[in-house]
C-alpha atoms as a PDB file:
ATOM      1  CA  MET A   1    -112.297 -98.783  -1.586  1.00  0.00           C
ATOM      2  CA  ILE A   2    -114.704-101.698  -1.213  1.00  0.00           C
ATOM      3  CA  THR A   3    -116.578-102.978  -4.278  1.00  0.00           C
ATOM      4  CA  VAL A   4    -119.249-105.673  -4.179  1.00  0.00           C
ATOM      5  CA  ARG A   5    -119.707-107.882  -7.251  1.00  0.00           C
ATOM      6  CA  ILE A   6    -122.199-110.627  -8.057  1.00  0.00           C
ATOM      7  CA  GLN A   7    -122.391-113.247 -10.772  1.00  0.00           C
ATOM      8  CA  ASP A   8    -124.878-112.347 -13.507  1.00  0.00           C
ATOM      9  CA  GLN A   9    -124.911-115.332 -15.852  1.00  0.00           C
ATOM     10  CA  ASN A  10    -121.284-115.500 -17.077  1.00  0.00           C
ATOM     11  CA  ARG A  11    -120.275-111.959 -16.099  1.00  0.00           C
ATOM     12  CA  LEU A  12    -119.431-110.099 -12.918  1.00  0.00           C
ATOM     13  CA  VAL A  13    -121.399-106.930 -12.240  1.00  0.00           C
ATOM     14  CA  GLU A  14    -121.104-104.418  -9.444  1.00  0.00           C
ATOM     15  CA  THR A  15    -123.876-104.037  -6.907  1.00  0.00           C
ATOM     16  CA  GLY A  16    -124.436-101.708  -3.997  1.00  0.00           C
ATOM     17  CA  GLU A  17    -125.418-104.312  -1.420  1.00  0.00           C
ATOM     18  CA  VAL A  18    -123.913-107.443   0.036  1.00  0.00           C
ATOM     19  CA  ARG A  19    -125.706-110.563  -1.193  1.00  0.00           C
ATOM     20  CA  LYS A  20    -125.278-114.273  -0.866  1.00  0.00           C
ATOM     21  CA  GLY A  21    -122.595-115.574  -3.210  1.00  0.00           C
ATOM     22  CA  CYS A  22    -121.015-112.156  -3.778  1.00  0.00           C
ATOM     23  CA  TRP A  23    -117.394-111.153  -4.076  1.00  0.00           C
ATOM     24  CA  ILE A  24    -116.334-108.237  -1.879  1.00  0.00           C
ATOM     25  CA  ASP A  25    -113.272-106.681  -3.468  1.00  0.00           C
ATOM     26  CA  ALA A  26    -111.362-104.377  -1.094  1.00  0.00           C
ATOM     27  CA  ARG A  27    -108.437-102.573  -2.723  1.00  0.00           C
ATOM     28  CA  ASN A  28    -106.511 -99.419  -1.814  1.00  0.00           C
ATOM     29  CA  VAL A  29    -108.087 -99.736   1.606  1.00  0.00           C
ATOM     30  CA  ASP A  30    -107.879 -97.057   4.253  1.00  0.00           C
ATOM     31  CA  GLU A  31    -108.600 -97.057   7.971  1.00  0.00           C
ATOM     32  CA  ALA A  32    -112.357 -96.675   7.402  1.00  0.00           C
ATOM     33  CA  ASP A  33    -112.395 -99.699   5.103  1.00  0.00           C
ATOM     34  CA  LEU A  34    -110.464-101.806   7.605  1.00  0.00           C
ATOM     35  CA  LYS A  35    -112.828-100.794  10.376  1.00  0.00           C
ATOM     36  CA  ARG A  36    -115.839-101.770   8.251  1.00  0.00           C
ATOM     37  CA  LEU A  37    -114.284-105.134   7.356  1.00  0.00           C
ATOM     38  CA  GLU A  38    -113.675-105.851  11.025  1.00  0.00           C
ATOM     39  CA  GLN A  39    -117.025-104.694  12.372  1.00  0.00           C
ATOM     40  CA  GLU A  40    -119.444-105.608   9.575  1.00  0.00           C
ATOM     41  CA  PHE A  41    -117.910-108.884   8.406  1.00  0.00           C
ATOM     42  CA  GLY A  42    -116.250-110.065  11.604  1.00  0.00           C
ATOM     43  CA  ILE A  43    -112.690-110.354  10.257  1.00  0.00           C
ATOM     44  CA  ALA A  44    -110.115-110.453  13.058  1.00  0.00           C
ATOM     45  CA  GLY A  45    -108.097-107.272  13.485  1.00  0.00           C
ATOM     46  CA  GLU A  46    -104.861-109.282  13.776  1.00  0.00           C
ATOM     47  CA  LEU A  47    -105.514-110.851  10.370  1.00  0.00           C
ATOM     48  CA  LEU A  48    -106.165-107.451   8.800  1.00  0.00           C
ATOM     49  CA  THR A  49    -102.921-106.191  10.293  1.00  0.00           C
ATOM     50  CA  ASP A  50    -101.053-109.121   8.761  1.00  0.00           C
ATOM     51  CA  ILE A  51    -102.607-108.465   5.352  1.00  0.00           C
ATOM     52  CA  MET A  52    -101.544-104.813   5.552  1.00  0.00           C
ATOM     53  CA  ASP A  53     -97.973-105.862   6.383  1.00  0.00           C
ATOM     54  CA  ALA A  54     -95.979-105.582   3.144  1.00  0.00           C
ATOM     55  CA  ASP A  55     -93.577-108.329   4.287  1.00  0.00           C
ATOM     56  CA  GLU A  56     -96.235-110.888   5.262  1.00  0.00           C
ATOM     57  CA  GLN A  57     -95.645-114.363   3.803  1.00  0.00           C
ATOM     58  CA  ALA A  58     -98.186-116.605   2.075  1.00  0.00           C
ATOM     59  CA  ARG A  59    -100.125-118.978   4.317  1.00  0.00           C
ATOM     60  CA  ILE A  60    -103.519-120.552   5.031  1.00  0.00           C
ATOM     61  CA  GLU A  61    -105.325-120.744   8.354  1.00  0.00           C
ATOM     62  CA  LYS A  62    -108.752-121.556   9.768  1.00  0.00           C
ATOM     63  CA  GLU A  63    -110.639-118.999  11.856  1.00  0.00           C
ATOM     64  CA  ASP A  64    -114.066-118.993  13.438  1.00  0.00           C
ATOM     65  CA  GLY A  65    -116.556-118.671  10.621  1.00  0.00           C
ATOM     66  CA  TYR A  66    -114.125-118.407   7.710  1.00  0.00           C
ATOM     67  CA  THR A  67    -110.947-119.717   6.102  1.00  0.00           C
ATOM     68  CA  ALA A  68    -108.203-117.184   5.398  1.00  0.00           C
ATOM     69  CA  LEU A  69    -105.480-117.358   2.788  1.00  0.00           C
ATOM     70  CA  ILE A  70    -102.675-114.873   2.273  1.00  0.00           C
ATOM     71  CA  VAL A  71    -100.926-114.934  -1.101  1.00  0.00           C
ATOM     72  CA  ARG A  72     -98.503-112.523  -2.701  1.00  0.00           C
ATOM     73  CA  LEU A  73     -99.259-110.759  -5.974  1.00  0.00           C
ATOM     74  CA  PRO A  74     -97.119-108.548  -8.225  1.00  0.00           C
ATOM     75  CA  VAL A  75     -97.923-104.828  -8.219  1.00  0.00           C
ATOM     76  CA  TYR A  76     -96.782-102.063 -10.565  1.00  0.00           C
ATOM     77  CA  ASP A  77     -96.579 -98.470  -9.358  1.00  0.00           C
ATOM     78  CA  ASN A  78     -94.334 -96.006 -11.177  1.00  0.00           C
ATOM     79  CA  ASP A  79     -94.420 -93.570  -8.225  1.00  0.00           C
ATOM     80  CA  TYR A  80     -92.116 -95.845  -6.224  1.00  0.00           C
ATOM     81  CA  GLU A  81     -88.355 -96.175  -6.598  1.00  0.00           C
ATOM     82  CA  VAL A  82     -88.855 -99.870  -7.379  1.00  0.00           C
ATOM     83  CA  SER A  83     -91.844 -99.810  -9.725  1.00  0.00           C
ATOM     84  CA  PHE A  84     -92.355-103.602  -9.734  1.00  0.00           C
ATOM     85  CA  PHE A  85     -92.850-105.130  -6.299  1.00  0.00           C
ATOM     86  CA  THR A  86     -95.180-107.518  -4.469  1.00  0.00           C
ATOM     87  CA  LEU A  87     -97.834-107.176  -1.781  1.00  0.00           C
ATOM     88  CA  PRO A  88     -99.897-109.651   0.239  1.00  0.00           C
ATOM     89  CA  LEU A  89    -103.486-110.363  -0.781  1.00  0.00           C
ATOM     90  CA  GLY A  90    -105.926-111.677   1.802  1.00  0.00           C
ATOM     91  CA  ILE A  91    -108.611-114.121   0.605  1.00  0.00           C
ATOM     92  CA  ILE A  92    -111.351-114.624   3.180  1.00  0.00           C
ATOM     93  CA  LEU A  93    -113.692-117.525   2.380  1.00  0.00           C
ATOM     94  CA  PHE A  94    -117.057-117.346   4.160  1.00  0.00           C
ATOM     95  CA  SER A  95    -119.832-119.859   3.624  1.00  0.00           C
ATOM     96  CA  ASP A  96    -121.898-117.340   1.615  1.00  0.00           C
ATOM     97  CA  LYS A  97    -119.327-114.843   0.261  1.00  0.00           C
ATOM     98  CA  ILE A  98    -115.711-114.195  -0.633  1.00  0.00           C
ATOM     99  CA  ILE A  99    -113.665-111.185   0.480  1.00  0.00           C
ATOM    100  CA  THR A 100    -110.320-110.166  -0.978  1.00  0.00           C
ATOM    101  CA  ILE A 101    -108.199-107.471   0.681  1.00  0.00           C
ATOM    102  CA  CYS A 102    -105.122-105.805  -0.798  1.00  0.00           C
ATOM    103  CA  GLN A 103    -103.276-102.533  -0.149  1.00  0.00           C
ATOM    104  CA  LYS A 104    -103.122-101.714  -3.871  1.00  0.00           C
ATOM    105  CA  SER A 105    -104.556-102.903  -7.130  1.00  0.00           C
ATOM    106  CA  SER A 106    -102.949-105.799  -8.991  1.00  0.00           C
ATOM    107  CA  GLY A 107    -103.230-106.975 -12.567  1.00  0.00           C
ATOM    108  CA  ALA A 108    -104.527-110.362 -11.376  1.00  0.00           C
ATOM    109  CA  LEU A 109    -107.450-108.757  -9.537  1.00  0.00           C
ATOM    110  CA  ASP A 110    -108.167-106.488 -12.508  1.00  0.00           C
ATOM    111  CA  ASP A 111    -108.375-109.496 -14.827  1.00  0.00           C
ATOM    112  CA  LEU A 112    -110.878-111.210 -12.557  1.00  0.00           C
ATOM    113  CA  ALA A 113    -113.001-108.104 -12.039  1.00  0.00           C
ATOM    114  CA  ARG A 114    -113.080-107.257 -15.762  1.00  0.00           C
ATOM    115  CA  ASN A 115    -114.261-110.738 -16.827  1.00  0.00           C
ATOM    116  CA  ARG A 116    -111.041-111.652 -18.608  1.00  0.00           C
ATOM    117  CA  ILE A 117    -111.082-115.258 -17.375  1.00  0.00           C
ATOM    118  CA  ARG A 118    -113.359-117.619 -19.241  1.00  0.00           C
ATOM    119  CA  GLY A 119    -115.675-119.691 -17.093  1.00  0.00           C
ATOM    120  CA  PHE A 120    -114.850-117.790 -13.908  1.00  0.00           C
ATOM    121  CA  ASN A 121    -117.437-118.396 -11.176  1.00  0.00           C
ATOM    122  CA  ILE A 122    -117.337-116.704  -7.777  1.00  0.00           C
ATOM    123  CA  ARG A 123    -119.946-119.092  -6.347  1.00  0.00           C
ATOM    124  CA  ASN A 124    -117.375-121.879  -6.390  1.00  0.00           C
ATOM    125  CA  LYS A 125    -114.839-120.902  -3.716  1.00  0.00           C
ATOM    126  CA  SER A 126    -112.188-123.498  -4.597  1.00  0.00           C
ATOM    127  CA  SER A 127    -112.384-122.500  -8.268  1.00  0.00           C
ATOM    128  CA  PHE A 128    -112.121-118.820  -7.265  1.00  0.00           C
ATOM    129  CA  VAL A 129    -108.928-119.490  -5.316  1.00  0.00           C
ATOM    130  CA  LEU A 130    -107.375-121.516  -8.145  1.00  0.00           C
ATOM    131  CA  ASN A 131    -108.264-118.942 -10.800  1.00  0.00           C
ATOM    132  CA  LEU A 132    -106.838-116.148  -8.662  1.00  0.00           C
ATOM    133  CA  LEU A 133    -103.626-118.053  -7.956  1.00  0.00           C
ATOM    134  CA  GLY A 134    -103.318-119.007 -11.609  1.00  0.00           C
ATOM    135  CA  ARG A 135    -103.833-115.425 -12.725  1.00  0.00           C
ATOM    136  CA  GLY A 136    -101.299-114.328 -10.136  1.00  0.00           C
ATOM    137  CA  ALA A 137     -98.700-116.723 -11.585  1.00  0.00           C
ATOM    138  CA  PHE A 138     -99.509-115.433 -15.082  1.00  0.00           C
ATOM    139  CA  THR A 139     -99.084-111.847 -13.868  1.00  0.00           C
ATOM    140  CA  PHE A 140     -95.708-112.765 -12.377  1.00  0.00           C
ATOM    141  CA  LEU A 141     -94.611-114.184 -15.746  1.00  0.00           C
ATOM    142  CA  LYS A 142     -95.854-111.061 -17.520  1.00  0.00           C
ATOM    143  CA  GLY A 143     -93.992-108.822 -15.054  1.00  0.00           C
ATOM    144  CA  LEU A 144     -90.791-110.853 -15.474  1.00  0.00           C
ATOM    145  CA  LYS A 145     -90.935-110.442 -19.260  1.00  0.00           C
ATOM    146  CA  GLU A 146     -91.418-106.696 -18.839  1.00  0.00           C
ATOM    147  CA  LEU A 147     -88.432-106.516 -16.481  1.00  0.00           C
ATOM    148  CA  ASN A 148     -86.306-108.460 -18.959  1.00  0.00           C
ATOM    149  CA  LYS A 149     -87.401-106.095 -21.737  1.00  0.00           C
ATOM    150  CA  ARG A 150     -86.392-103.077 -19.634  1.00  0.00           C
ATOM    151  CA  THR A 151     -83.056-104.715 -18.855  1.00  0.00           C
ATOM    152  CA  ASN A 152     -82.282-105.121 -22.565  1.00  0.00           C
ATOM    153  CA  ILE A 153     -83.168-101.471 -23.231  1.00  0.00           C
ATOM    154  CA  ILE A 154     -80.917-100.259 -20.411  1.00  0.00           C
ATOM    155  CA  LYS A 155     -78.062-102.501 -21.615  1.00  0.00           C
ATOM    156  CA  GLY A 156     -78.313-100.837 -25.024  1.00  0.00           C
ATOM    157  CA  GLU A 157     -78.087 -97.414 -23.384  1.00  0.00           C
ATOM    158  CA  LEU A 158     -75.127 -98.509 -21.268  1.00  0.00           C
ATOM    159  CA  GLN A 159     -73.201 -99.604 -24.345  1.00  0.00           C
ATOM    160  CA  LYS A 160     -73.477 -96.057 -25.696  1.00  0.00           C
ATOM    161  CA  SER A 161     -72.889 -94.141 -22.490  1.00  0.00           C
ATOM    162  CA  ILE A 162     -71.730 -95.473 -19.111  1.00  0.00           C
ATOM    163  CA  LYS A 163     -73.614 -93.446 -16.516  1.00  0.00           C
ATOM    164  CA  ASN A 164     -74.761 -93.926 -12.943  1.00  0.00           C
ATOM    165  CA  LYS A 165     -78.396 -93.460 -14.014  1.00  0.00           C
ATOM    166  CA  GLU A 166     -78.484 -96.673 -16.027  1.00  0.00           C
ATOM    167  CA  LEU A 167     -76.717 -98.650 -13.301  1.00  0.00           C
ATOM    168  CA  ILE A 168     -79.236 -97.415 -10.728  1.00  0.00           C
ATOM    169  CA  GLN A 169     -82.060 -98.541 -13.030  1.00  0.00           C
ATOM    170  CA  LEU A 170     -80.480-101.986 -13.271  1.00  0.00           C
ATOM    171  CA  LEU A 171     -80.209-102.094  -9.485  1.00  0.00           C
ATOM    172  CA  SER A 172     -83.935-101.257  -9.238  1.00  0.00           C
ATOM    173  CA  ILE A 173     -84.747-104.126 -11.616  1.00  0.00           C
ATOM    174  CA  GLN A 174     -82.573-106.441  -9.553  1.00  0.00           C
ATOM    175  CA  LYS A 175     -84.556-105.517  -6.436  1.00  0.00           C
ATOM    176  CA  SER A 176     -87.797-106.275  -8.279  1.00  0.00           C
ATOM    177  CA  LEU A 177     -86.458-109.691  -9.268  1.00  0.00           C
ATOM    178  CA  VAL A 178     -85.567-110.409  -5.648  1.00  0.00           C
ATOM    179  CA  TYR A 179     -89.091-109.444  -4.553  1.00  0.00           C
ATOM    180  CA  PHE A 180     -90.587-111.614  -7.284  1.00  0.00           C
ATOM    181  CA  THR A 181     -88.424-114.627  -6.475  1.00  0.00           C
ATOM    182  CA  THR A 182     -89.203-114.465  -2.751  1.00  0.00           C
ATOM    183  CA  SER A 183     -92.941-114.009  -3.279  1.00  0.00           C
ATOM    184  CA  ILE A 184     -93.251-116.761  -5.890  1.00  0.00           C
ATOM    185  CA  THR A 185     -91.386-119.128  -3.593  1.00  0.00           C
ATOM    186  CA  THR A 186     -93.777-118.456  -0.710  1.00  0.00           C
ATOM    187  CA  ASN A 187     -96.737-118.934  -3.062  1.00  0.00           C
ATOM    188  CA  GLU A 188     -95.283-122.290  -4.065  1.00  0.00           C
ATOM    189  CA  LEU A 189     -95.208-123.355  -0.422  1.00  0.00           C
ATOM    190  CA  LEU A 190     -98.858-122.320  -0.114  1.00  0.00           C
ATOM    191  CA  LEU A 191     -99.775-124.375  -3.198  1.00  0.00           C
ATOM    192  CA  GLU A 192     -98.055-127.404  -1.688  1.00  0.00           C
ATOM    193  CA  LYS A 193    -100.142-126.949   1.468  1.00  0.00           C
ATOM    194  CA  LEU A 194    -103.327-126.616  -0.584  1.00  0.00           C
ATOM    195  CA  GLN A 195    -102.630-129.961  -2.220  1.00  0.00           C
ATOM    196  CA  LYS A 196    -102.581-131.602   1.210  1.00  0.00           C
ATOM    197  CA  SER A 197    -104.758-129.331   3.350  1.00  0.00           C
ATOM    198  CA  PRO A 198    -108.359-130.375   4.161  1.00  0.00           C
ATOM    199  CA  LEU A 199    -109.412-126.737   4.646  1.00  0.00           C
ATOM    200  CA  ILE A 200    -110.271-126.336   0.938  1.00  0.00           C
ATOM    201  CA  HIS A 201    -111.693-129.285  -0.968  1.00  0.00           C
ATOM    202  CA  PHE A 202    -110.864-129.442  -4.669  1.00  0.00           C
ATOM    203  CA  LYS A 203    -112.989-131.487  -7.031  1.00  0.00           C
ATOM    204  CA  GLU A 204    -111.478-133.985  -9.421  1.00  0.00           C
ATOM    205  CA  ASP A 205    -111.585-131.605 -12.381  1.00  0.00           C
ATOM    206  CA  GLU A 206    -110.084-128.843 -10.219  1.00  0.00           C
ATOM    207  CA  GLN A 207    -107.083-131.002  -9.392  1.00  0.00           C
ATOM    208  CA  ASP A 208    -105.898-130.586 -12.975  1.00  0.00           C
ATOM    209  CA  LEU A 209    -106.280-126.823 -12.663  1.00  0.00           C
ATOM    210  CA  LEU A 210    -104.299-126.930  -9.421  1.00  0.00           C
ATOM    211  CA  GLU A 211    -101.504-128.844 -11.172  1.00  0.00           C
ATOM    212  CA  ASP A 212    -101.479-126.227 -13.945  1.00  0.00           C
ATOM    213  CA  VAL A 213    -101.179-123.449 -11.377  1.00  0.00           C
ATOM    214  CA  VAL A 214     -98.294-125.272  -9.683  1.00  0.00           C
ATOM    215  CA  THR A 215     -96.567-125.698 -13.052  1.00  0.00           C
ATOM    216  CA  GLU A 216     -96.949-122.004 -13.960  1.00  0.00           C
ATOM    217  CA  ASN A 217     -95.665-121.001 -10.542  1.00  0.00           C
ATOM    218  CA  LYS A 218     -92.568-123.197 -10.953  1.00  0.00           C
ATOM    219  CA  GLN A 219     -92.010-121.723 -14.396  1.00  0.00           C
ATOM    220  CA  ALA A 220     -92.178-118.241 -12.885  1.00  0.00           C
ATOM    221  CA  ILE A 221     -89.566-119.214 -10.273  1.00  0.00           C
ATOM    222  CA  GLU A 222     -87.226-120.568 -12.945  1.00  0.00           C
ATOM    223  CA  MET A 223     -87.632-117.439 -15.084  1.00  0.00           C
ATOM    224  CA  ALA A 224     -87.018-115.179 -12.093  1.00  0.00           C
ATOM    225  CA  ASN A 225     -83.845-117.082 -11.192  1.00  0.00           C
ATOM    226  CA  ILE A 226     -82.587-117.014 -14.794  1.00  0.00           C
ATOM    227  CA  TYR A 227     -83.255-113.296 -15.251  1.00  0.00           C
ATOM    228  CA  SER A 228     -81.683-112.539 -11.878  1.00  0.00           C
ATOM    229  CA  SER A 229     -78.519-114.478 -12.786  1.00  0.00           C
ATOM    230  CA  ILE A 230     -78.299-112.760 -16.182  1.00  0.00           C
ATOM    231  CA  LEU A 231     -78.777-109.334 -14.609  1.00  0.00           C
ATOM    232  CA  THR A 232     -76.146-110.015 -11.958  1.00  0.00           C
ATOM    233  CA  GLY A 233     -73.661-111.048 -14.639  1.00  0.00           C
ATOM    234  CA  THR A 234     -74.539-107.983 -16.716  1.00  0.00           C
ATOM    235  CA  MET A 235     -73.981-105.597 -13.812  1.00  0.00           C
ATOM    236  CA  ASP A 236     -70.647-107.270 -12.987  1.00  0.00           C
ATOM    237  CA  ALA A 237     -69.590-107.007 -16.639  1.00  0.00           C
ATOM    238  CA  PHE A 238     -70.469-103.323 -16.884  1.00  0.00           C
ATOM    239  CA  ALA A 239     -68.728-102.646 -13.578  1.00  0.00           C
ATOM    240  CA  SER A 240     -65.591-104.226 -15.063  1.00  0.00           C
ATOM    241  CA  VAL A 241     -66.017-102.137 -18.228  1.00  0.00           C
ATOM    242  CA  ILE A 242     -66.282 -98.943 -16.167  1.00  0.00           C
ATOM    243  CA  SER A 243     -63.181 -99.887 -14.181  1.00  0.00           C
ATOM    244  CA  ASN A 244     -61.291-100.715 -17.377  1.00  0.00           C
ATOM    245  CA  ASN A 245     -62.312 -97.410 -18.982  1.00  0.00           C
ATOM    246  CA  LEU A 246     -61.095 -95.585 -15.899  1.00  0.00           C
ATOM    247  CA  ASN A 247     -57.737 -97.355 -16.121  1.00  0.00           C
ATOM    248  CA  ILE A 248     -57.427 -96.351 -19.793  1.00  0.00           C
ATOM    249  CA  VAL A 249     -58.177 -92.716 -18.978  1.00  0.00           C
ATOM    250  CA  MET A 250     -55.671 -92.701 -16.132  1.00  0.00           C
ATOM    251  CA  LYS A 251     -53.037 -94.251 -18.415  1.00  0.00           C
ATOM    252  CA  ARG A 252     -53.567 -91.542 -21.022  1.00  0.00           C
ATOM    253  CA  LEU A 253     -53.411 -88.812 -18.403  1.00  0.00           C
ATOM    254  CA  THR A 254     -50.161 -90.297 -17.094  1.00  0.00           C
ATOM    255  CA  ILE A 255     -48.630 -90.245 -20.594  1.00  0.00           C
ATOM    256  CA  VAL A 256     -49.680 -86.631 -21.067  1.00  0.00           C
ATOM    257  CA  SER A 257     -48.210 -85.720 -17.684  1.00  0.00           C
ATOM    258  CA  ILE A 258     -44.907 -87.382 -18.520  1.00  0.00           C
ATOM    259  CA  VAL A 259     -44.693 -85.665 -21.900  1.00  0.00           C
ATOM    260  CA  LEU A 260     -45.450 -82.261 -20.367  1.00  0.00           C
ATOM    261  CA  MET A 261     -42.984 -82.858 -17.547  1.00  0.00           C
ATOM    262  CA  ILE A 262     -39.981 -82.861 -19.944  1.00  0.00           C
ATOM    263  CA  PRO A 263     -40.252 -79.202 -21.125  1.00  0.00           C
ATOM    264  CA  THR A 264     -41.209 -78.166 -17.594  1.00  0.00           C
ATOM    265  CA  LEU A 265     -37.960 -79.679 -16.326  1.00  0.00           C
ATOM    266  CA  ILE A 266     -35.885 -77.878 -18.965  1.00  0.00           C
ATOM    267  CA  TYR A 267     -37.586 -74.505 -18.425  1.00  0.00           C
ATOM    268  CA  SER A 268     -37.252 -74.926 -14.648  1.00  0.00           C
ATOM    269  CA  PHE A 269     -33.524 -75.549 -15.018  1.00  0.00           C
ATOM    270  CA  TYR A 270     -33.030 -72.295 -16.934  1.00  0.00           C
ATOM    271  CA  GLY A 271     -35.245 -70.411 -14.519  1.00  0.00           C
ATOM    272  CA  MET A 272     -32.772 -70.725 -11.606  1.00  0.00           C
ATOM    273  CA  ASN A 273     -31.191 -67.556 -10.160  1.00  0.00           C
ATOM    274  CA  VAL A 274     -27.597 -68.571 -10.998  1.00  0.00           C
ATOM    275  CA  ARG A 275     -25.402 -68.034 -13.997  1.00  0.00           C
ATOM    276  CA  LEU A 276     -26.039 -70.625 -16.710  1.00  0.00           C
ATOM    277  CA  PRO A 277     -24.382 -71.313 -20.040  1.00  0.00           C
ATOM    278  CA  PHE A 278     -25.619 -69.284 -23.020  1.00  0.00           C
ATOM    279  CA  GLN A 279     -28.000 -67.240 -20.873  1.00  0.00           C
ATOM    280  CA  GLU A 280     -26.756 -64.010 -22.469  1.00  0.00           C
ATOM    281  CA  ALA A 281     -27.077 -65.321 -26.037  1.00  0.00           C
ATOM    282  CA  PRO A 282     -29.999 -63.888 -28.081  1.00  0.00           C
ATOM    283  CA  PHE A 283     -31.050 -67.308 -29.400  1.00  0.00           C
ATOM    284  CA  THR A 284     -31.190 -69.030 -25.983  1.00  0.00           C
ATOM    285  CA  VAL A 285     -34.998 -68.804 -25.563  1.00  0.00           C
ATOM    286  CA  TRP A 286     -35.652 -70.263 -29.001  1.00  0.00           C
ATOM    287  CA  ALA A 287     -33.072 -72.956 -28.460  1.00  0.00           C
ATOM    288  CA  ILE A 288     -34.639 -73.993 -25.159  1.00  0.00           C
ATOM    289  CA  THR A 289     -38.080 -74.009 -26.766  1.00  0.00           C
ATOM    290  CA  GLY A 290     -36.860 -76.152 -29.662  1.00  0.00           C
ATOM    291  CA  ILE A 291     -35.087 -78.579 -27.351  1.00  0.00           C
ATOM    292  CA  SER A 292     -38.208 -78.850 -25.163  1.00  0.00           C
ATOM    293  CA  LEU A 293     -40.473 -79.534 -28.151  1.00  0.00           C
ATOM    294  CA  ALA A 294     -38.046 -82.083 -29.564  1.00  0.00           C
ATOM    295  CA  ALA A 295     -37.772 -83.833 -26.190  1.00  0.00           C
ATOM    296  CA  SER A 296     -41.569 -83.907 -25.773  1.00  0.00           C
ATOM    297  CA  ILE A 297     -42.134 -85.283 -29.278  1.00  0.00           C
ATOM    298  CA  THR A 298     -39.412 -87.900 -28.755  1.00  0.00           C
ATOM    299  CA  GLY A 299     -40.943 -88.955 -25.434  1.00  0.00           C
ATOM    300  CA  ALA A 300     -44.428 -89.171 -26.946  1.00  0.00           C
ATOM    301  CA  ILE A 301     -43.166 -91.275 -29.867  1.00  0.00           C
ATOM    302  CA  PHE A 302     -41.243 -93.556 -27.516  1.00  0.00           C
ATOM    303  CA  LEU A 303     -44.247 -94.106 -25.213  1.00  0.00           C
ATOM    304  CA  ASN A 304     -46.577 -94.728 -28.161  1.00  0.00           C
ATOM    305  CA  THR A 305     -44.142 -97.146 -29.814  1.00  0.00           C
ATOM    306  CA  ASP A 306     -43.632 -99.007 -26.553  1.00  0.00           C
ATOM    307  CA  ARG A 307     -47.396 -99.311 -26.074  1.00  0.00           C
ATOM    308  CA  LYS A 308     -47.875-100.725 -29.603  1.00  0.00           C
ATOM    309  CA  ARG A 309     -44.977-103.145 -29.083  1.00  0.00           C
ATOM    310  CA  ARG A 310     -46.540-104.498 -25.889  1.00  0.00           C
ATOM    311  CA  LYS A 311     -49.954-104.746 -27.595  1.00  0.00           C
ATOM    312  CA  ASN A 312     -48.506-106.748 -30.505  1.00  0.00           C
ATOM    313  CA  ARG A 313     -46.673-109.006 -28.062  1.00  0.00           C
ATOM    314  CA  THR A 314     -49.973-109.679 -26.266  1.00  0.00           C
ATOM    315  CA  ASN A 315     -51.756-110.484 -29.548  1.00  0.00           C
ATOM    316  CA  ILE A 316     -49.003-112.941 -30.535  1.00  0.00           C
ATOM    317  CA  LYS A 317     -49.277-114.738 -27.206  1.00  0.00           C
ATOM    318  CA  SER A 318     -53.061-114.958 -27.524  1.00  0.00           C
ATOM    319  CA  HIS A 319     -52.756-116.573 -30.989  1.00  0.00           C
ATOM    320  CA  ILE A 320     -50.229-119.059 -29.649  1.00  0.00           C
END
């Protein structure tokens, strides 16, 4: 869908025609939209293909009649296995208009379109780029906080019940953090090029805004790395807990098997087809049953006492 917006005093309003100084916002584009962008506005088909490539990295380049930037923005879509991911956004700067192209909608674009940025002016192309990059960094930070919040909720659920569902959710969050870290890093490289590139001229007051954007982007990288490290440690810890719980269960099953093996051995001995002592006596069955129960109880007490003795020995060593 292609939406055209113009500046009306301090607000952006939609219009049905392309005018000088307008912002052409193309989101959730289809083949018809791409064809219109190529034919009506003269955007190279190769560039449109790159923008539609989900793995395209951030960069800036000069074409005939326009300057093109590709940045990466965070996107949220609950229909996907990984709900938080990133996509490339194409920013095409013409002399009389600005075109942005993205496969899906992003919170950064929504904030710009809904007049949530004070002093935002689409007539100033360098300011437009800085505001969009700054809002993108802010959206990354917001997404990282949401991912960290979800991680804490899942950790609480894992402490109550160790299931594959929660671990899969943590794995999905880890993938999102990887996408975020990679995309923020490529955006940082683009910002470094913008500081040196002559393709976009920033005024003196815009240099401070550019420094702020660089700072927010670095903060986003640090947060992404911290959250990723914490999540990796959490998943390793829970994997160890699951393995330890499995060992405990297997140990208990082994004890039960040993205890049950004692009466089985006794009953098996008296089940042989040969003559055995006291097999004709009327009390033999009850005697065998009593002996089996006594042997099982004795074995259970011995195993439990031995386990407590080893546990106390371990506690004494730890205190020492």
